[in-house]
N, C-alpha and C. Protein backbone atom coordinates (compact mmCIF):
# COMPACT_ATOMS: atom_id res chain seq x y z
N MET A 1 0.67 -1.00 -0.03
CA MET A 1 0.04 -0.19 -0.08
C MET A 1 0.89 1.22 0.02
N ILE A 2 0.21 2.15 -0.62
CA ILE A 2 1.25 3.64 -0.54
C ILE A 2 0.56 4.60 0.14
N VAL A 3 1.13 5.27 1.11
CA VAL A 3 0.83 6.33 1.96
C VAL A 3 1.17 7.53 1.50
N ASN A 4 0.63 8.71 1.22
CA ASN A 4 1.09 9.85 0.48
C ASN A 4 0.81 11.08 1.49
N PHE A 5 1.95 11.86 1.62
CA PHE A 5 1.86 12.79 2.56
C PHE A 5 1.79 14.31 1.91
N TYR A 6 1.08 15.19 2.32
CA TYR A 6 1.01 16.76 1.76
C TYR A 6 1.14 17.76 2.79
N ASN A 7 1.70 18.97 2.05
CA ASN A 7 1.77 19.97 2.77
C ASN A 7 2.72 20.02 4.06
N SER A 8 1.80 20.56 5.21
CA SER A 8 2.77 20.60 6.27
C SER A 8 3.17 19.39 7.00
N ILE A 9 2.19 18.14 6.65
CA ILE A 9 2.55 16.90 7.36
C ILE A 9 4.01 16.65 6.66
N LEU A 10 4.43 17.17 5.89
CA LEU A 10 5.92 16.90 5.42
C LEU A 10 6.98 16.98 6.15
N LYS A 11 6.82 17.95 7.22
CA LYS A 11 7.78 18.39 8.38
C LYS A 11 7.90 17.17 9.40
N TYR A 12 6.77 16.31 9.58
CA TYR A 12 6.89 15.05 10.41
C TYR A 12 7.79 13.95 9.65
N THR A 13 7.68 14.00 8.33
CA THR A 13 8.06 12.83 7.28
C THR A 13 9.78 13.17 6.89
N HIS A 14 10.12 14.39 7.26
CA HIS A 14 11.16 14.88 6.89
C HIS A 14 11.33 14.99 5.23
N ASP A 15 10.14 15.52 4.84
CA ASP A 15 10.04 15.93 3.29
C ASP A 15 9.92 14.67 2.45
N GLU A 16 9.60 13.57 2.97
CA GLU A 16 9.36 12.24 2.03
C GLU A 16 7.96 12.37 1.77
N LYS A 17 7.48 12.22 0.56
CA LYS A 17 6.34 12.42 0.11
C LYS A 17 5.46 11.09 0.19
N SER A 18 6.08 10.18 0.36
CA SER A 18 5.33 8.77 0.43
C SER A 18 6.07 7.63 0.93
N PHE A 19 5.01 6.90 1.64
CA PHE A 19 5.68 5.57 2.44
C PHE A 19 5.04 4.33 1.73
N GLU A 20 5.78 3.18 1.67
CA GLU A 20 5.11 1.98 1.27
C GLU A 20 5.10 0.93 2.29
N CYS A 21 4.05 0.40 2.57
CA CYS A 21 4.07 -0.83 3.63
C CYS A 21 3.29 -1.69 3.01
N ALA A 22 3.10 -3.00 3.75
CA ALA A 22 2.18 -4.08 3.33
C ALA A 22 0.76 -3.74 3.93
N GLY A 23 0.07 -4.71 3.07
CA GLY A 23 -1.41 -4.27 3.60
C GLY A 23 -1.84 -5.31 4.65
N ASN A 24 -3.15 -5.58 4.90
CA ASN A 24 -3.81 -6.50 5.81
C ASN A 24 -3.59 -5.83 7.22
N ILE A 25 -3.50 -4.63 7.24
CA ILE A 25 -3.40 -3.98 8.71
C ILE A 25 -4.61 -2.91 8.83
N THR A 26 -4.89 -2.51 10.01
CA THR A 26 -5.89 -1.52 10.25
C THR A 26 -5.12 -0.24 10.37
N VAL A 27 -6.15 0.91 10.06
CA VAL A 27 -5.52 2.22 10.13
C VAL A 27 -5.00 2.55 11.44
N ARG A 28 -5.19 1.92 12.47
CA ARG A 28 -4.38 2.23 13.87
C ARG A 28 -3.15 1.53 13.81
N ASN A 29 -2.95 0.28 13.12
CA ASN A 29 -1.87 -0.48 13.02
C ASN A 29 -0.71 0.47 12.16
N LEU A 30 -1.45 1.14 11.09
CA LEU A 30 -0.59 1.94 10.28
C LEU A 30 -0.10 2.99 10.83
N ILE A 31 -0.96 3.76 11.68
CA ILE A 31 -0.53 4.77 12.31
C ILE A 31 0.79 4.41 13.55
N ALA A 32 0.69 3.42 14.08
CA ALA A 32 1.70 2.90 14.69
C ALA A 32 3.12 2.56 14.10
N GLU A 33 2.93 1.98 12.71
CA GLU A 33 4.02 1.83 12.04
C GLU A 33 4.47 3.03 11.40
N LEU A 34 3.73 4.12 11.25
CA LEU A 34 4.39 5.45 10.73
C LEU A 34 5.21 6.01 11.95
N GLY A 35 4.50 5.95 13.12
CA GLY A 35 5.31 6.29 14.30
C GLY A 35 6.61 5.77 14.63
N ASN A 36 6.74 4.41 14.27
CA ASN A 36 7.88 3.67 14.28
C ASN A 36 8.71 4.08 13.32
N HIS A 37 8.43 4.55 12.39
CA HIS A 37 9.32 4.89 11.10
C HIS A 37 9.74 6.41 11.08
N TYR A 38 8.60 7.21 11.56
CA TYR A 38 8.97 8.76 11.64
C TYR A 38 8.99 9.20 12.92
N GLY A 39 9.00 8.65 14.10
CA GLY A 39 8.70 8.99 15.50
C GLY A 39 7.34 9.23 16.03
N ALA A 40 7.55 8.94 17.47
CA ALA A 40 6.44 8.92 18.38
C ALA A 40 5.58 10.19 18.00
N GLY A 41 6.13 11.32 17.75
CA GLY A 41 5.51 12.32 17.62
C GLY A 41 4.46 12.49 16.48
N PHE A 42 4.96 12.01 15.28
CA PHE A 42 4.11 11.78 14.35
C PHE A 42 2.71 10.89 14.52
N ALA A 43 2.88 9.86 15.27
CA ALA A 43 1.77 8.87 15.52
C ALA A 43 0.88 9.68 16.57
N GLU A 44 1.32 10.51 17.39
CA GLU A 44 0.45 11.16 18.33
C GLU A 44 -0.44 12.30 17.48
N PHE A 45 0.34 12.87 16.70
CA PHE A 45 -0.24 14.05 15.51
C PHE A 45 -1.57 13.27 14.60
N LEU A 46 -1.01 12.15 14.24
CA LEU A 46 -2.10 11.61 13.44
C LEU A 46 -3.18 10.93 14.24
N SER A 47 -3.01 10.61 15.35
CA SER A 47 -4.02 10.25 16.09
C SER A 47 -5.42 11.42 16.89
N GLY A 48 -4.60 12.50 16.70
CA GLY A 48 -5.15 13.82 17.35
C GLY A 48 -6.75 13.89 16.38
N GLU A 49 -7.44 14.37 16.86
CA GLU A 49 -8.92 14.40 16.43
C GLU A 49 -8.81 15.50 15.29
N ASN A 50 -8.28 16.55 15.33
CA ASN A 50 -8.49 17.60 14.42
C ASN A 50 -7.05 18.06 13.73
N ASN A 51 -6.37 17.20 13.70
CA ASN A 51 -5.04 17.41 13.05
C ASN A 51 -4.92 17.31 11.73
N CYS A 52 -5.64 16.16 11.07
CA CYS A 52 -5.27 16.07 9.74
C CYS A 52 -6.35 14.92 9.29
N LEU A 53 -6.49 14.92 8.16
CA LEU A 53 -7.67 14.21 7.31
C LEU A 53 -6.94 12.90 6.62
N ILE A 54 -7.30 11.72 6.91
CA ILE A 54 -6.83 10.59 6.34
C ILE A 54 -7.90 9.96 5.27
N LEU A 55 -7.35 9.77 4.13
CA LEU A 55 -8.59 9.58 2.98
C LEU A 55 -7.87 8.24 2.57
N LEU A 56 -8.94 7.17 2.39
CA LEU A 56 -8.84 5.92 1.81
C LEU A 56 -9.39 5.68 0.73
N ASN A 57 -8.62 5.77 -0.37
CA ASN A 57 -8.88 5.64 -1.81
C ASN A 57 -9.85 6.69 -2.15
N GLY A 58 -9.51 8.03 -1.60
CA GLY A 58 -10.02 9.37 -2.06
C GLY A 58 -11.25 9.58 -1.16
N LYS A 59 -11.46 8.68 -0.04
CA LYS A 59 -12.76 8.93 0.66
C LYS A 59 -12.20 9.05 2.14
N GLY A 60 -12.94 9.78 2.96
CA GLY A 60 -12.51 9.90 4.40
C GLY A 60 -13.00 8.57 5.29
N LEU A 61 -12.24 8.62 6.32
CA LEU A 61 -12.45 7.09 7.16
C LEU A 61 -13.97 7.06 7.72
N MET A 62 -14.65 8.26 7.83
CA MET A 62 -16.02 8.21 8.30
C MET A 62 -16.93 7.52 7.54
N THR A 63 -16.44 7.20 5.99
CA THR A 63 -17.21 6.29 5.34
C THR A 63 -17.00 4.89 5.50
N ALA A 64 -15.93 4.54 6.21
CA ALA A 64 -15.39 3.15 6.43
C ALA A 64 -15.60 3.01 8.08
N GLN A 65 -14.71 2.19 8.82
CA GLN A 65 -14.82 2.08 10.10
C GLN A 65 -13.86 2.87 10.94
N GLY A 66 -13.44 3.70 10.67
CA GLY A 66 -12.47 4.79 11.20
C GLY A 66 -11.21 4.06 11.34
N LEU A 67 -10.50 3.97 12.68
CA LEU A 67 -9.40 3.66 12.73
C LEU A 67 -9.29 1.91 12.86
N ASP A 68 -10.35 1.36 12.87
CA ASP A 68 -10.19 -0.07 12.56
C ASP A 68 -10.57 -0.68 11.25
N THR A 69 -10.55 0.56 10.43
CA THR A 69 -10.95 -0.12 8.74
C THR A 69 -9.58 -0.91 8.46
N MET A 70 -9.91 -1.98 7.81
CA MET A 70 -8.85 -2.80 7.47
C MET A 70 -8.14 -2.29 5.89
N LEU A 71 -6.90 -2.15 5.81
CA LEU A 71 -6.20 -1.72 4.48
C LEU A 71 -5.72 -2.87 3.90
N GLY A 72 -5.65 -2.94 2.43
CA GLY A 72 -5.39 -3.96 1.67
C GLY A 72 -3.96 -3.21 0.87
N ALA A 73 -3.34 -4.33 0.42
CA ALA A 73 -2.21 -3.98 -0.31
C ALA A 73 -2.23 -3.04 -1.51
N ASN A 74 -3.42 -2.98 -1.98
CA ASN A 74 -3.61 -2.14 -3.42
C ASN A 74 -4.33 -0.88 -2.79
N ASP A 75 -4.48 -0.59 -1.40
CA ASP A 75 -5.12 0.69 -1.29
C ASP A 75 -4.21 1.92 -1.01
N LYS A 76 -4.79 3.14 -1.40
CA LYS A 76 -3.96 4.20 -1.32
C LYS A 76 -4.35 5.23 -0.08
N ILE A 77 -3.61 5.57 0.68
CA ILE A 77 -3.80 6.53 1.73
C ILE A 77 -3.24 7.88 1.50
N ASP A 78 -4.06 8.80 1.71
CA ASP A 78 -3.57 10.14 1.54
C ASP A 78 -3.58 10.81 2.82
N ILE A 79 -2.61 11.27 3.45
CA ILE A 79 -2.84 12.25 4.70
C ILE A 79 -2.41 13.67 4.65
N LEU A 80 -3.72 14.55 4.55
CA LEU A 80 -3.65 15.97 4.48
C LEU A 80 -3.81 16.75 5.85
N PRO A 81 -3.17 17.84 5.91
CA PRO A 81 -3.46 18.54 6.94
C PRO A 81 -4.87 19.34 7.12
N PHE A 82 -5.20 19.68 8.05
CA PHE A 82 -6.76 20.40 8.20
C PHE A 82 -6.13 21.70 7.95
N ILE A 83 -7.20 22.49 7.31
CA ILE A 83 -6.74 23.91 7.13
C ILE A 83 -7.91 24.62 7.74
N SER A 84 -7.09 25.55 8.67
CA SER A 84 -7.85 26.59 9.35
C SER A 84 -8.03 27.93 8.78
N MET A 85 -9.09 28.22 8.62
CA MET A 85 -9.39 29.81 8.08
C MET A 85 -9.75 30.57 9.41
N GLY A 86 -9.45 31.79 9.25
CA GLY A 86 -9.63 32.83 10.33
C GLY A 86 -9.31 33.93 10.39
């Protein structure tokens, strides 16, 4: 599976724009794996309620089973920062 990172998320990934990992894991497990790779601070950021938007094949996780959604080898994950206006 491919995980793509955008905009200010790149500060956590040291400007790496994508990460490849095996499928058959949950989003929760993916976050833990990303934390192991990029640091615990990134996992904490991803777990925060209003920090970022995680898309599975172009759709928000709210249309799936949230953090318990199973991910397959051919899935595409996009992680984008929330944009605050004000």
